Protein backbone atom coordinates (compact mmCIF):
# COMPACT_ATOMS: atom_id res chain seq x y z
CA MET A 1 0.00 0.00 0.00
CA GLU A 2 2.81 2.41 0.84
CA THR A 3 4.15 1.92 -2.70
CA ILE A 4 0.87 2.04 -4.63
CA ILE A 5 -1.09 4.83 -2.92
CA PRO A 6 1.43 7.64 -3.58
CA LYS A 7 1.35 6.83 -7.32
CA ILE A 8 -2.40 7.43 -7.55
CA THR A 9 -3.16 11.10 -8.14
CA ASP A 10 -6.21 13.06 -7.02
CA ILE A 11 -6.97 10.98 -3.95
CA THR A 12 -6.88 11.52 -0.23
CA PRO A 13 -6.23 8.11 1.31
CA LEU A 14 -7.62 7.19 4.70
CA CYS A 15 -6.74 3.93 6.44
CA ILE A 16 -9.22 2.49 8.89
CA ALA A 17 -7.73 -0.30 10.96
CA PHE A 18 -9.74 -3.05 12.60
CA GLU A 19 -8.75 -5.33 15.44
CA GLY A 20 -8.79 -8.49 13.34
CA LYS A 21 -10.89 -9.98 10.58
CA GLN A 22 -13.88 -10.72 12.79
CA GLN A 23 -14.22 -7.06 13.73
CA LEU A 24 -13.80 -6.04 10.07
CA GLU A 25 -16.54 -8.43 8.94
CA LYS A 26 -18.81 -7.33 11.78
CA GLU A 27 -18.43 -3.57 11.29
CA ILE A 28 -17.55 -2.87 7.63
CA GLU A 29 -21.11 -2.90 6.28
CA LYS A 30 -22.24 -0.35 8.87
CA LYS A 31 -19.23 1.89 8.16
CA LEU A 32 -19.88 1.83 4.40
CA LYS A 33 -23.62 2.53 4.78
CA HIS A 34 -22.99 5.55 6.98
CA TRP A 35 -20.15 7.04 4.93
CA ASN A 36 -21.37 10.53 3.98
CA ILE A 37 -18.73 11.68 1.51
CA SER A 38 -19.90 11.39 -2.09
CA ASN A 39 -17.74 9.98 -4.88
CA THR A 40 -15.77 7.84 -2.42
CA LYS A 41 -14.14 4.58 -3.43
CA PHE A 42 -13.14 1.86 -0.99
CA LEU A 43 -10.35 -0.71 -1.09
CA ILE A 44 -10.62 -3.41 1.54
CA VAL A 45 -7.44 -5.38 2.19
CA ARG A 46 -7.50 -8.51 4.29
CA ASP A 47 -4.65 -10.94 4.88
CA GLN A 48 -4.76 -14.71 5.18
CA ASP A 49 -3.88 -16.02 8.66
CA SER A 50 -2.73 -19.41 7.42
CA GLY A 51 0.00 -18.02 5.18
CA ASP A 52 3.23 -16.09 5.49
CA CYS A 53 2.11 -12.48 4.99
CA ALA A 54 5.43 -11.45 3.40
CA ILE A 55 5.02 -14.12 0.70
CA ILE A 56 1.28 -13.47 0.18
CA LYS A 57 1.79 -9.72 -0.26
């Protein structure tokens, strides 16, 4: 993300961290429904616990 985001122009990135996948799955729908800024795009990144994150990325 640190490599890709700076290359995209005309955006203001905002990272919202969750305390694990269960919290993400529980809360993401509510966050998206109540987002009040028009013309917003979302990118949701989730890792895989069973794998080596350095290799997966």
